[in-house]
PDB file of all heavy atoms in Angstrom:
ATOM      1  N   LYS A   1       8.871  15.122   7.452  1.00  0.00           N
ATOM      2  CA  LYS A   1       8.568  14.371   8.667  1.00  0.00           C
ATOM      3  C   LYS A   1       7.051  14.170   8.743  1.00  0.00           C
ATOM      4  O   LYS A   1       6.344  14.853   9.471  1.00  0.00           O
ATOM      5  CB  LYS A   1       9.093  15.114   9.896  1.00  0.00           C
ATOM      6  CG  LYS A   1      10.603  15.272   9.891  1.00  0.00           C
ATOM      7  CD  LYS A   1      11.103  15.979  11.138  1.00  0.00           C
ATOM      8  CE  LYS A   1      12.626  16.086  11.143  1.00  0.00           C
ATOM      9  NZ  LYS A   1      13.139  16.736  12.360  1.00  0.00           N
ATOM     10  N   ASN A   2       6.610  13.182   7.969  1.00  0.00           N
ATOM     11  CA  ASN A   2       5.163  12.973   7.827  1.00  0.00           C
ATOM     12  C   ASN A   2       4.678  11.657   8.441  1.00  0.00           C
ATOM     13  O   ASN A   2       3.623  11.140   8.087  1.00  0.00           O
ATOM     14  CB  ASN A   2       4.741  13.055   6.365  1.00  0.00           C
ATOM     15  CG  ASN A   2       5.449  12.026   5.503  1.00  0.00           C
ATOM     16  OD1 ASN A   2       6.207  11.191   5.982  1.00  0.00           O
ATOM     17  ND2 ASN A   2       5.207  12.085   4.205  1.00  0.00           N
ATOM     18  N   ALA A   3       5.455  11.112   9.359  1.00  0.00           N
ATOM     19  CA  ALA A   3       5.036  10.021  10.250  1.00  0.00           C
ATOM     20  C   ALA A   3       4.989   8.638   9.627  1.00  0.00           C
ATOM     21  O   ALA A   3       5.390   7.658  10.253  1.00  0.00           O
ATOM     22  CB  ALA A   3       3.681  10.335  10.901  1.00  0.00           C
ATOM     23  N   LEU A   4       4.476   8.502   8.411  1.00  0.00           N
ATOM     24  CA  LEU A   4       4.291   7.164   7.843  1.00  0.00           C
ATOM     25  C   LEU A   4       4.621   7.112   6.364  1.00  0.00           C
ATOM     26  O   LEU A   4       4.509   8.101   5.640  1.00  0.00           O
ATOM     27  CB  LEU A   4       2.848   6.680   8.019  1.00  0.00           C
ATOM     28  CG  LEU A   4       2.424   6.303   9.422  1.00  0.00           C
ATOM     29  CD1 LEU A   4       1.493   7.351   9.976  1.00  0.00           C
ATOM     30  CD2 LEU A   4       1.743   4.948   9.433  1.00  0.00           C
ATOM     31  N   HIS A   5       4.987   5.905   5.963  1.00  0.00           N
ATOM     32  CA  HIS A   5       5.122   5.573   4.550  1.00  0.00           C
ATOM     33  C   HIS A   5       4.150   4.447   4.234  1.00  0.00           C
ATOM     34  O   HIS A   5       3.965   3.534   5.042  1.00  0.00           O
ATOM     35  CB  HIS A   5       6.548   5.107   4.230  1.00  0.00           C
ATOM     36  CG  HIS A   5       6.669   4.426   2.905  1.00  0.00           C
ATOM     37  ND1 HIS A   5       6.844   5.118   1.723  1.00  0.00           N
ATOM     38  CD2 HIS A   5       6.614   3.105   2.567  1.00  0.00           C
ATOM     39  CE1 HIS A   5       6.905   4.256   0.720  1.00  0.00           C
ATOM     40  NE2 HIS A   5       6.773   3.027   1.203  1.00  0.00           N
ATOM     41  N   GLY A   6       3.532   4.491   3.062  1.00  0.00           N
ATOM     42  CA  GLY A   6       2.680   3.407   2.592  1.00  0.00           C
ATOM     43  C   GLY A   6       2.980   3.116   1.134  1.00  0.00           C
ATOM     44  O   GLY A   6       3.266   4.035   0.360  1.00  0.00           O
ATOM     45  N   SER A   7       2.931   1.865   0.744  1.00  0.00           N
ATOM     46  CA  SER A   7       3.230   1.487  -0.644  1.00  0.00           C
ATOM     47  C   SER A   7       2.272   2.172  -1.604  1.00  0.00           C
ATOM     48  O   SER A   7       1.060   2.226  -1.365  1.00  0.00           O
ATOM     49  CB  SER A   7       3.135  -0.026  -0.814  1.00  0.00           C
ATOM     50  OG  SER A   7       4.069  -0.686   0.020  1.00  0.00           O
ATOM     51  N   GLU A   8       2.823   2.656  -2.706  1.00  0.00           N
ATOM     52  CA  GLU A   8       2.028   3.399  -3.683  1.00  0.00           C
ATOM     53  C   GLU A   8       1.261   2.492  -4.644  1.00  0.00           C
ATOM     54  O   GLU A   8       0.248   2.894  -5.193  1.00  0.00           O
ATOM     55  CB  GLU A   8       2.938   4.330  -4.497  1.00  0.00           C
ATOM     56  CG  GLU A   8       3.316   5.605  -3.793  1.00  0.00           C
ATOM     57  CD  GLU A   8       2.111   6.524  -3.596  1.00  0.00           C
ATOM     58  OE1 GLU A   8       1.281   6.643  -4.518  1.00  0.00           O
ATOM     59  OE2 GLU A   8       2.005   7.112  -2.514  1.00  0.00           O
ATOM     60  N   SER A   9       1.768   1.296  -4.881  1.00  0.00           N
ATOM     61  CA  SER A   9       1.177   0.429  -5.894  1.00  0.00           C
ATOM     62  C   SER A   9       1.465  -1.027  -5.563  1.00  0.00           C
ATOM     63  O   SER A   9       2.215  -1.335  -4.620  1.00  0.00           O
ATOM     64  CB  SER A   9       1.761   0.753  -7.272  1.00  0.00           C
ATOM     65  OG  SER A   9       3.149   0.447  -7.308  1.00  0.00           O
ATOM     66  N   TYR A  10       0.885  -1.912  -6.345  1.00  0.00           N
ATOM     67  CA  TYR A  10       1.111  -3.345  -6.167  1.00  0.00           C
ATOM     68  C   TYR A  10       2.592  -3.688  -6.302  1.00  0.00           C
ATOM     69  O   TYR A  10       3.171  -4.394  -5.466  1.00  0.00           O
ATOM     70  CB  TYR A  10       0.287  -4.132  -7.192  1.00  0.00           C
ATOM     71  CG  TYR A  10       0.772  -5.542  -7.399  1.00  0.00           C
ATOM     72  CD1 TYR A  10       0.524  -6.527  -6.458  1.00  0.00           C
ATOM     73  CD2 TYR A  10       1.499  -5.887  -8.549  1.00  0.00           C
ATOM     74  CE1 TYR A  10       0.988  -7.823  -6.638  1.00  0.00           C
ATOM     75  CE2 TYR A  10       1.964  -7.170  -8.734  1.00  0.00           C
ATOM     76  CZ  TYR A  10       1.703  -8.137  -7.771  1.00  0.00           C
ATOM     77  OH  TYR A  10       2.166  -9.403  -7.955  1.00  0.00           O
ATOM     78  N   HIS A  11       3.217  -3.183  -7.370  1.00  0.00           N
ATOM     79  CA  HIS A  11       4.625  -3.508  -7.604  1.00  0.00           C
ATOM     80  C   HIS A  11       5.517  -2.911  -6.524  1.00  0.00           C
ATOM     81  O   HIS A  11       6.503  -3.540  -6.108  1.00  0.00           O
ATOM     82  CB  HIS A  11       5.040  -3.012  -8.991  1.00  0.00           C
ATOM     83  CG  HIS A  11       4.346  -3.723 -10.111  1.00  0.00           C
ATOM     84  ND1 HIS A  11       4.588  -5.048 -10.412  1.00  0.00           N
ATOM     85  CD2 HIS A  11       3.388  -3.313 -10.984  1.00  0.00           C
ATOM     86  CE1 HIS A  11       3.827  -5.425 -11.421  1.00  0.00           C
ATOM     87  NE2 HIS A  11       3.088  -4.395 -11.787  1.00  0.00           N
ATOM     88  N   ALA A  12       5.186  -1.710  -6.061  1.00  0.00           N
ATOM     89  CA  ALA A  12       5.952  -1.101  -4.974  1.00  0.00           C
ATOM     90  C   ALA A  12       5.816  -1.934  -3.702  1.00  0.00           C
ATOM     91  O   ALA A  12       6.796  -2.141  -2.972  1.00  0.00           O
ATOM     92  CB  ALA A  12       5.479   0.325  -4.731  1.00  0.00           C
ATOM     93  N   ALA A  13       4.618  -2.426  -3.428  1.00  0.00           N
ATOM     94  CA  ALA A  13       4.397  -3.232  -2.233  1.00  0.00           C
ATOM     95  C   ALA A  13       5.220  -4.515  -2.269  1.00  0.00           C
ATOM     96  O   ALA A  13       5.831  -4.903  -1.272  1.00  0.00           O
ATOM     97  CB  ALA A  13       2.911  -3.557  -2.086  1.00  0.00           C
ATOM     98  N   VAL A  14       5.244  -5.176  -3.420  1.00  0.00           N
ATOM     99  CA  VAL A  14       6.029  -6.405  -3.562  1.00  0.00           C
ATOM    100  C   VAL A  14       7.503  -6.125  -3.276  1.00  0.00           C
ATOM    101  O   VAL A  14       8.163  -6.842  -2.513  1.00  0.00           O
ATOM    102  CB  VAL A  14       5.864  -6.997  -4.977  1.00  0.00           C
ATOM    103  CG1 VAL A  14       6.851  -8.149  -5.190  1.00  0.00           C
ATOM    104  CG2 VAL A  14       4.442  -7.477  -5.202  1.00  0.00           C
ATOM    105  N   ARG A  15       8.031  -5.077  -3.888  1.00  0.00           N
ATOM    106  CA  ARG A  15       9.449  -4.749  -3.718  1.00  0.00           C
ATOM    107  C   ARG A  15       9.761  -4.341  -2.286  1.00  0.00           C
ATOM    108  O   ARG A  15      10.756  -4.787  -1.693  1.00  0.00           O
ATOM    109  CB  ARG A  15       9.839  -3.606  -4.673  1.00  0.00           C
ATOM    110  CG  ARG A  15      11.323  -3.262  -4.634  1.00  0.00           C
ATOM    111  CD  ARG A  15      11.643  -2.050  -5.478  1.00  0.00           C
ATOM    112  NE  ARG A  15      11.165  -0.818  -4.895  1.00  0.00           N
ATOM    113  CZ  ARG A  15      11.813  -0.134  -3.948  1.00  0.00           C
ATOM    114  NH1 ARG A  15      12.968  -0.590  -3.455  1.00  0.00           N
ATOM    115  NH2 ARG A  15      11.323   0.975  -3.478  1.00  0.00           N
ATOM    116  N   GLU A  16       8.928  -3.496  -1.694  1.00  0.00           N
ATOM    117  CA  GLU A  16       9.203  -2.962  -0.362  1.00  0.00           C
ATOM    118  C   GLU A  16       9.076  -4.023   0.725  1.00  0.00           C
ATOM    119  O   GLU A  16       9.860  -4.050   1.677  1.00  0.00           O
ATOM    120  CB  GLU A  16       8.278  -1.781  -0.090  1.00  0.00           C
ATOM    121  CG  GLU A  16       8.584  -0.579  -0.971  1.00  0.00           C
ATOM    122  CD  GLU A  16       7.545   0.515  -0.878  1.00  0.00           C
ATOM    123  OE1 GLU A  16       6.528   0.325  -0.171  1.00  0.00           O
ATOM    124  OE2 GLU A  16       7.739   1.568  -1.511  1.00  0.00           O
ATOM    125  N   ILE A  17       8.090  -4.907   0.595  1.00  0.00           N
ATOM    126  CA  ILE A  17       7.946  -5.985   1.566  1.00  0.00           C
ATOM    127  C   ILE A  17       9.165  -6.906   1.504  1.00  0.00           C
ATOM    128  O   ILE A  17       9.725  -7.305   2.527  1.00  0.00           O
ATOM    129  CB  ILE A  17       6.642  -6.775   1.321  1.00  0.00           C
ATOM    130  CG1 ILE A  17       5.426  -5.905   1.676  1.00  0.00           C
ATOM    131  CG2 ILE A  17       6.620  -8.064   2.147  1.00  0.00           C
ATOM    132  CD1 ILE A  17       4.092  -6.510   1.273  1.00  0.00           C
ATOM    133  N   LYS A  18       9.590  -7.230   0.287  1.00  0.00           N
ATOM    134  CA  LYS A  18      10.767  -8.078   0.126  1.00  0.00           C
ATOM    135  C   LYS A  18      12.009  -7.391   0.676  1.00  0.00           C
ATOM    136  O   LYS A  18      12.895  -8.037   1.251  1.00  0.00           O
ATOM    137  CB  LYS A  18      10.955  -8.413  -1.361  1.00  0.00           C
ATOM    138  CG  LYS A  18      12.092  -9.391  -1.632  1.00  0.00           C
ATOM    139  CD  LYS A  18      11.792 -10.755  -1.019  1.00  0.00           C
ATOM    140  CE  LYS A  18      12.869 -11.768  -1.354  1.00  0.00           C
ATOM    141  NZ  LYS A  18      12.643 -13.069  -0.675  1.00  0.00           N
ATOM    142  N   PHE A  19      12.093  -6.076   0.517  1.00  0.00           N
ATOM    143  CA  PHE A  19      13.259  -5.328   0.982  1.00  0.00           C
ATOM    144  C   PHE A  19      13.357  -5.345   2.505  1.00  0.00           C
ATOM    145  O   PHE A  19      14.437  -5.572   3.061  1.00  0.00           O
ATOM    146  CB  PHE A  19      13.174  -3.883   0.484  1.00  0.00           C
ATOM    147  CG  PHE A  19      14.391  -3.053   0.787  1.00  0.00           C
ATOM    148  CD1 PHE A  19      15.419  -2.955  -0.134  1.00  0.00           C
ATOM    149  CD2 PHE A  19      14.509  -2.375   1.988  1.00  0.00           C
ATOM    150  CE1 PHE A  19      16.557  -2.197   0.146  1.00  0.00           C
ATOM    151  CE2 PHE A  19      15.636  -1.617   2.282  1.00  0.00           C
ATOM    152  CZ  PHE A  19      16.665  -1.521   1.353  1.00  0.00           C
ATOM    153  N   LEU A  20      12.247  -5.099   3.179  1.00  0.00           N
ATOM    154  CA  LEU A  20      12.278  -4.989   4.633  1.00  0.00           C
ATOM    155  C   LEU A  20      12.057  -6.313   5.351  1.00  0.00           C
ATOM    156  O   LEU A  20      12.328  -6.421   6.542  1.00  0.00           O
ATOM    157  CB  LEU A  20      11.246  -3.961   5.093  1.00  0.00           C
ATOM    158  CG  LEU A  20      11.606  -2.508   4.746  1.00  0.00           C
ATOM    159  CD1 LEU A  20      10.492  -1.558   5.133  1.00  0.00           C
ATOM    160  CD2 LEU A  20      12.905  -2.092   5.447  1.00  0.00           C
ATOM    161  N   PHE A  21      11.563  -7.313   4.625  1.00  0.00           N
ATOM    162  CA  PHE A  21      11.392  -8.648   5.206  1.00  0.00           C
ATOM    163  C   PHE A  21      12.044  -9.680   4.273  1.00  0.00           C
ATOM    164  O   PHE A  21      11.369 -10.546   3.715  1.00  0.00           O
ATOM    165  CB  PHE A  21       9.910  -8.963   5.408  1.00  0.00           C
ATOM    166  CG  PHE A  21       9.224  -8.060   6.397  1.00  0.00           C
ATOM    167  CD1 PHE A  21       8.562  -6.927   5.959  1.00  0.00           C
ATOM    168  CD2 PHE A  21       9.261  -8.332   7.754  1.00  0.00           C
ATOM    169  CE1 PHE A  21       7.932  -6.077   6.873  1.00  0.00           C
ATOM    170  CE2 PHE A  21       8.634  -7.493   8.674  1.00  0.00           C
ATOM    171  CZ  PHE A  21       7.973  -6.360   8.225  1.00  0.00           C
ATOM    172  N   PRO A  22      13.370  -9.596   4.108  1.00  0.00           N
ATOM    173  CA  PRO A  22      14.046 -10.451   3.112  1.00  0.00           C
ATOM    174  C   PRO A  22      13.988 -11.933   3.432  1.00  0.00           C
ATOM    175  O   PRO A  22      14.105 -12.762   2.525  1.00  0.00           O
ATOM    176  CB  PRO A  22      15.492  -9.937   3.148  1.00  0.00           C
ATOM    177  CG  PRO A  22      15.643  -9.310   4.497  1.00  0.00           C
ATOM    178  CD  PRO A  22      14.307  -8.709   4.807  1.00  0.00           C
ATOM    179  N   ASN A  23      13.816 -12.301   4.680  1.00  0.00           N
ATOM    180  CA  ASN A  23      13.783 -13.717   5.059  1.00  0.00           C
ATOM    181  C   ASN A  23      12.370 -14.271   5.155  1.00  0.00           C
ATOM    182  O   ASN A  23      12.161 -15.383   5.620  1.00  0.00           O
ATOM    183  CB  ASN A  23      14.498 -13.919   6.395  1.00  0.00           C
ATOM    184  CG  ASN A  23      15.969 -13.551   6.319  1.00  0.00           C
ATOM    185  OD1 ASN A  23      16.620 -13.823   5.313  1.00  0.00           O
ATOM    186  ND2 ASN A  23      16.485 -12.908   7.357  1.00  0.00           N
ATOM    187  N   SER A  24      11.411 -13.469   4.731  1.00  0.00           N
ATOM    188  CA  SER A  24      10.026 -13.911   4.813  1.00  0.00           C
ATOM    189  C   SER A  24       9.781 -15.076   3.864  1.00  0.00           C
ATOM    190  O   SER A  24      10.272 -15.101   2.737  1.00  0.00           O
ATOM    191  CB  SER A  24       9.087 -12.752   4.461  1.00  0.00           C
ATOM    192  OG  SER A  24       7.762 -13.207   4.360  1.00  0.00           O
ATOM    193  N   LEU A  25       8.991 -16.043   4.340  1.00  0.00           N
ATOM    194  CA  LEU A  25       8.624 -17.185   3.504  1.00  0.00           C
ATOM    195  C   LEU A  25       7.310 -16.956   2.781  1.00  0.00           C
ATOM    196  O   LEU A  25       6.833 -17.821   2.057  1.00  0.00           O
ATOM    197  CB  LEU A  25       8.515 -18.445   4.371  1.00  0.00           C
ATOM    198  CG  LEU A  25       9.807 -18.882   5.056  1.00  0.00           C
ATOM    199  CD1 LEU A  25       9.541 -20.110   5.936  1.00  0.00           C
ATOM    200  CD2 LEU A  25      10.890 -19.170   4.042  1.00  0.00           C
ATOM    201  N   THR A  26       6.723 -15.792   2.991  1.00  0.00           N
ATOM    202  CA  THR A  26       5.438 -15.489   2.363  1.00  0.00           C
ATOM    203  C   THR A  26       5.608 -15.399   0.855  1.00  0.00           C
ATOM    204  O   THR A  26       6.478 -14.694   0.367  1.00  0.00           O
ATOM    205  CB  THR A  26       4.874 -14.162   2.889  1.00  0.00           C
ATOM    206  OG1 THR A  26       4.815 -14.235   4.309  1.00  0.00           O
ATOM    207  CG2 THR A  26       3.485 -13.902   2.337  1.00  0.00           C
ATOM    208  N   GLU A  27       4.772 -16.119   0.134  1.00  0.00           N
ATOM    209  CA  GLU A  27       4.815 -16.074  -1.323  1.00  0.00           C
ATOM    210  C   GLU A  27       4.391 -14.697  -1.811  1.00  0.00           C
ATOM    211  O   GLU A  27       3.484 -14.090  -1.257  1.00  0.00           O
ATOM    212  CB  GLU A  27       3.866 -17.125  -1.920  1.00  0.00           C
ATOM    213  CG  GLU A  27       4.285 -18.548  -1.662  1.00  0.00           C
ATOM    214  CD  GLU A  27       5.499 -18.941  -2.475  1.00  0.00           C
ATOM    215  OE1 GLU A  27       5.706 -18.349  -3.542  1.00  0.00           O
ATOM    216  OE2 GLU A  27       6.242 -19.825  -2.026  1.00  0.00           O
ATOM    217  N   PRO A  28       5.033 -14.181  -2.867  1.00  0.00           N
ATOM    218  CA  PRO A  28       4.556 -12.917  -3.448  1.00  0.00           C
ATOM    219  C   PRO A  28       3.118 -13.069  -3.910  1.00  0.00           C
ATOM    220  O   PRO A  28       2.773 -14.069  -4.535  1.00  0.00           O
ATOM    221  CB  PRO A  28       5.497 -12.707  -4.647  1.00  0.00           C
ATOM    222  CG  PRO A  28       6.689 -13.544  -4.354  1.00  0.00           C
ATOM    223  CD  PRO A  28       6.176 -14.725  -3.565  1.00  0.00           C
ATOM    224  N   PHE A  29       2.274 -12.088  -3.577  1.00  0.00           N
ATOM    225  CA  PHE A  29       0.880 -12.233  -3.964  1.00  0.00           C
ATOM    226  C   PHE A  29       0.722 -11.912  -5.441  1.00  0.00           C
ATOM    227  O   PHE A  29       1.399 -11.076  -6.001  1.00  0.00           O
ATOM    228  CB  PHE A  29      -0.045 -11.343  -3.119  1.00  0.00           C
ATOM    229  CG  PHE A  29       0.381  -9.913  -3.015  1.00  0.00           C
ATOM    230  CD1 PHE A  29      -0.044  -8.971  -3.936  1.00  0.00           C
ATOM    231  CD2 PHE A  29       1.188  -9.506  -1.968  1.00  0.00           C
ATOM    232  CE1 PHE A  29       0.343  -7.654  -3.822  1.00  0.00           C
ATOM    233  CE2 PHE A  29       1.582  -8.188  -1.854  1.00  0.00           C
ATOM    234  CZ  PHE A  29       1.165  -7.258  -2.794  1.00  0.00           C
ATOM    235  N   ALA A  30      -0.205 -12.616  -6.057  1.00  0.00           N
ATOM    236  CA  ALA A  30      -0.406 -12.498  -7.492  1.00  0.00           C
ATOM    237  C   ALA A  30      -1.471 -11.456  -7.793  1.00  0.00           C
ATOM    238  O   ALA A  30      -2.348 -11.194  -6.973  1.00  0.00           O
ATOM    239  CB  ALA A  30      -0.847 -13.855  -8.067  1.00  0.00           C
ATOM    240  N   PRO A  31      -1.425 -10.842  -8.974  1.00  0.00           N
ATOM    241  CA  PRO A  31      -2.498  -9.932  -9.362  1.00  0.00           C
ATOM    242  C   PRO A  31      -3.830 -10.647  -9.373  1.00  0.00           C
ATOM    243  O   PRO A  31      -3.912 -11.843  -9.598  1.00  0.00           O
ATOM    244  CB  PRO A  31      -2.090  -9.506 -10.784  1.00  0.00           C
ATOM    245  CG  PRO A  31      -0.626  -9.777 -10.861  1.00  0.00           C
ATOM    246  CD  PRO A  31      -0.371 -10.961  -9.980  1.00  0.00           C
ATOM    247  N   LYS A  32      -4.894  -9.901  -9.143  1.00  0.00           N
ATOM    248  CA  LYS A  32      -6.195 -10.541  -8.984  1.00  0.00           C
ATOM    249  C   LYS A  32      -6.826 -10.988 -10.298  1.00  0.00           C
ATOM    250  O   LYS A  32      -7.715 -11.836 -10.302  1.00  0.00           O
ATOM    251  CB  LYS A  32      -7.152  -9.602  -8.258  1.00  0.00           C
ATOM    252  CG  LYS A  32      -7.475  -8.312  -9.009  1.00  0.00           C
ATOM    253  CD  LYS A  32      -8.303  -7.388  -8.134  1.00  0.00           C
ATOM    254  CE  LYS A  32      -8.651  -6.091  -8.839  1.00  0.00           C
ATOM    255  NZ  LYS A  32      -9.390  -5.164  -7.981  1.00  0.00           N
ATOM    256  N   GLU A  33      -6.352 -10.459 -11.452  1.00  0.00           N
ATOM    257  CA  GLU A  33      -7.008 -10.775 -12.714  1.00  0.00           C
ATOM    258  C   GLU A  33      -7.020 -12.263 -13.035  1.00  0.00           C
ATOM    259  O   GLU A  33      -8.055 -12.801 -13.436  1.00  0.00           O
ATOM    260  CB  GLU A  33      -6.357  -9.978 -13.861  1.00  0.00           C
ATOM    261  CG  GLU A  33      -6.681  -8.506 -13.871  1.00  0.00           C
ATOM    262  CD  GLU A  33      -5.896  -7.718 -12.835  1.00  0.00           C
ATOM    263  OE1 GLU A  33      -4.959  -8.292 -12.246  1.00  0.00           O
ATOM    264  OE2 GLU A  33      -6.213  -6.538 -12.623  1.00  0.00           O
ATOM    265  N   PRO A  34      -5.881 -12.989 -12.876  1.00  0.00           N
ATOM    266  CA  PRO A  34      -5.929 -14.433 -13.158  1.00  0.00           C
ATOM    267  C   PRO A  34      -6.905 -15.184 -12.272  1.00  0.00           C
ATOM    268  O   PRO A  34      -7.549 -16.138 -12.709  1.00  0.00           O
ATOM    269  CB  PRO A  34      -4.486 -14.882 -12.900  1.00  0.00           C
ATOM    270  CG  PRO A  34      -3.666 -13.658 -13.083  1.00  0.00           C
ATOM    271  CD  PRO A  34      -4.522 -12.536 -12.585  1.00  0.00           C
ATOM    272  N   HIS A  35      -7.033 -14.741 -11.018  1.00  0.00           N
ATOM    273  CA  HIS A  35      -7.979 -15.390 -10.114  1.00  0.00           C
ATOM    274  C   HIS A  35      -9.415 -15.155 -10.579  1.00  0.00           C
ATOM    275  O   HIS A  35     -10.255 -16.057 -10.533  1.00  0.00           O
ATOM    276  CB  HIS A  35      -7.780 -14.869  -8.694  1.00  0.00           C
ATOM    277  CG  HIS A  35      -6.425 -15.144  -8.132  1.00  0.00           C
ATOM    278  ND1 HIS A  35      -6.029 -16.390  -7.681  1.00  0.00           N
ATOM    279  CD2 HIS A  35      -5.353 -14.339  -7.971  1.00  0.00           C
ATOM    280  CE1 HIS A  35      -4.788 -16.338  -7.254  1.00  0.00           C
ATOM    281  NE2 HIS A  35      -4.342 -15.106  -7.417  1.00  0.00           N
ATOM    282  N   GLN A  36      -9.698 -13.933 -11.007  1.00  0.00           N
ATOM    283  CA  GLN A  36     -11.031 -13.623 -11.507  1.00  0.00           C
ATOM    284  C   GLN A  36     -11.365 -14.489 -12.711  1.00  0.00           C
ATOM    285  O   GLN A  36     -12.466 -15.035 -12.823  1.00  0.00           O
ATOM    286  CB  GLN A  36     -11.111 -12.142 -11.893  1.00  0.00           C
ATOM    287  CG  GLN A  36     -11.129 -11.185 -10.714  1.00  0.00           C
ATOM    288  CD  GLN A  36     -11.152  -9.744 -11.162  1.00  0.00           C
ATOM    289  OE1 GLN A  36     -10.334  -9.324 -11.986  1.00  0.00           O
ATOM    290  NE2 GLN A  36     -12.068  -8.973 -10.635  1.00  0.00           N
ATOM    291  N   GLU A  37     -10.404 -14.611 -13.625  1.00  0.00           N
ATOM    292  CA  GLU A  37     -10.631 -15.394 -14.834  1.00  0.00           C
ATOM    293  C   GLU A  37     -10.872 -16.862 -14.486  1.00  0.00           C
ATOM    294  O   GLU A  37     -11.773 -17.501 -15.049  1.00  0.00           O
ATOM    295  CB  GLU A  37      -9.416 -15.261 -15.758  1.00  0.00           C
ATOM    296  CG  GLU A  37      -9.513 -16.095 -17.031  1.00  0.00           C
ATOM    297  CD  GLU A  37     -10.717 -15.715 -17.880  1.00  0.00           C
ATOM    298  OE1 GLU A  37     -11.158 -14.546 -17.816  1.00  0.00           O
ATOM    299  OE2 GLU A  37     -11.222 -16.605 -18.588  1.00  0.00           O
ATOM    300  N   TYR A  38     -10.096 -17.411 -13.551  1.00  0.00           N
ATOM    301  CA  TYR A  38     -10.262 -18.811 -13.159  1.00  0.00           C
ATOM    302  C   TYR A  38     -11.626 -19.028 -12.514  1.00  0.00           C
ATOM    303  O   TYR A  38     -12.315 -20.013 -12.809  1.00  0.00           O
ATOM    304  CB  TYR A  38      -9.153 -19.227 -12.201  1.00  0.00           C
ATOM    305  CG  TYR A  38      -9.307 -20.640 -11.699  1.00  0.00           C
ATOM    306  CD1 TYR A  38      -8.945 -21.720 -12.495  1.00  0.00           C
ATOM    307  CD2 TYR A  38      -9.851 -20.892 -10.437  1.00  0.00           C
ATOM    308  CE1 TYR A  38      -9.107 -23.023 -12.049  1.00  0.00           C
ATOM    309  CE2 TYR A  38     -10.010 -22.196  -9.986  1.00  0.00           C
ATOM    310  CZ  TYR A  38      -9.630 -23.250 -10.788  1.00  0.00           C
ATOM    311  OH  TYR A  38      -9.807 -24.535 -10.353  1.00  0.00           O
ATOM    312  N   LEU A  39     -12.036 -18.103 -11.638  1.00  0.00           N
ATOM    313  CA  LEU A  39     -13.338 -18.244 -10.990  1.00  0.00           C
ATOM    314  C   LEU A  39     -14.470 -18.217 -12.009  1.00  0.00           C
ATOM    315  O   LEU A  39     -15.397 -19.028 -11.956  1.00  0.00           O
ATOM    316  CB  LEU A  39     -13.522 -17.126  -9.960  1.00  0.00           C
ATOM    317  CG  LEU A  39     -12.673 -17.214  -8.691  1.00  0.00           C
ATOM    318  CD1 LEU A  39     -12.815 -15.936  -7.872  1.00  0.00           C
ATOM    319  CD2 LEU A  39     -13.083 -18.408  -7.855  1.00  0.00           C
ATOM    320  N   LYS A  40     -14.402 -17.294 -12.961  1.00  0.00           N
ATOM    321  CA  LYS A  40     -15.452 -17.179 -13.970  1.00  0.00           C
ATOM    322  C   LYS A  40     -15.498 -18.400 -14.880  1.00  0.00           C
ATOM    323  O   LYS A  40     -16.564 -18.851 -15.282  1.00  0.00           O
ATOM    324  CB  LYS A  40     -15.233 -15.916 -14.811  1.00  0.00           C
ATOM    325  CG  LYS A  40     -15.479 -14.622 -14.057  1.00  0.00           C
ATOM    326  CD  LYS A  40     -15.207 -13.416 -14.949  1.00  0.00           C
ATOM    327  CE  LYS A  40     -15.409 -12.107 -14.192  1.00  0.00           C
ATOM    328  NZ  LYS A  40     -15.101 -10.930 -15.044  1.00  0.00           N
ATOM    329  N   ARG A  41     -14.301 -18.922 -15.207  1.00  0.00           N
ATOM    330  CA  ARG A  41     -14.220 -20.009 -16.177  1.00  0.00           C
ATOM    331  C   ARG A  41     -14.512 -21.372 -15.571  1.00  0.00           C
ATOM    332  O   ARG A  41     -15.155 -22.221 -16.215  1.00  0.00           O
ATOM    333  CB  ARG A  41     -12.825 -20.009 -16.823  1.00  0.00           C
ATOM    334  CG  ARG A  41     -12.594 -21.096 -17.861  1.00  0.00           C
ATOM    335  CD  ARG A  41     -11.313 -20.825 -18.639  1.00  0.00           C
ATOM    336  NE  ARG A  41     -10.208 -20.540 -17.742  1.00  0.00           N
ATOM    337  CZ  ARG A  41      -9.443 -21.475 -17.187  1.00  0.00           C
ATOM    338  NH1 ARG A  41      -9.673 -22.758 -17.420  1.00  0.00           N
ATOM    339  NH2 ARG A  41      -8.436 -21.136 -16.399  1.00  0.00           N
ATOM    340  N   CYS A  42     -14.062 -21.603 -14.329  1.00  0.00           N
ATOM    341  CA  CYS A  42     -14.143 -22.943 -13.758  1.00  0.00           C
ATOM    342  C   CYS A  42     -15.069 -23.065 -12.544  1.00  0.00           C
ATOM    343  O   CYS A  42     -15.863 -23.997 -12.464  1.00  0.00           O
ATOM    344  CB  CYS A  42     -12.746 -23.424 -13.356  1.00  0.00           C
ATOM    345  SG  CYS A  42     -11.596 -23.554 -14.733  1.00  0.00           S
ATOM    346  N   VAL A  43     -14.963 -22.139 -11.630  1.00  0.00           N
ATOM    347  CA  VAL A  43     -15.650 -22.307 -10.347  1.00  0.00           C
ATOM    348  C   VAL A  43     -17.125 -21.944 -10.446  1.00  0.00           C
ATOM    349  O   VAL A  43     -18.002 -22.729 -10.051  1.00  0.00           O
ATOM    350  CB  VAL A  43     -14.958 -21.474  -9.250  1.00  0.00           C
ATOM    351  CG1 VAL A  43     -15.717 -21.608  -7.929  1.00  0.00           C
ATOM    352  CG2 VAL A  43     -13.523 -21.920  -9.086  1.00  0.00           C
TER     353      VAL A  43
END
């Protein structure tokens, strides 16, 4: 009885959010590495 649960990792967060909010229209968030690469290469 420790009051709260929090996602342990990125993959756990994706699964748990989808589990408890199955009708959510929110797109699954992507890992940050592709964004970093795009920013460095193009922006």
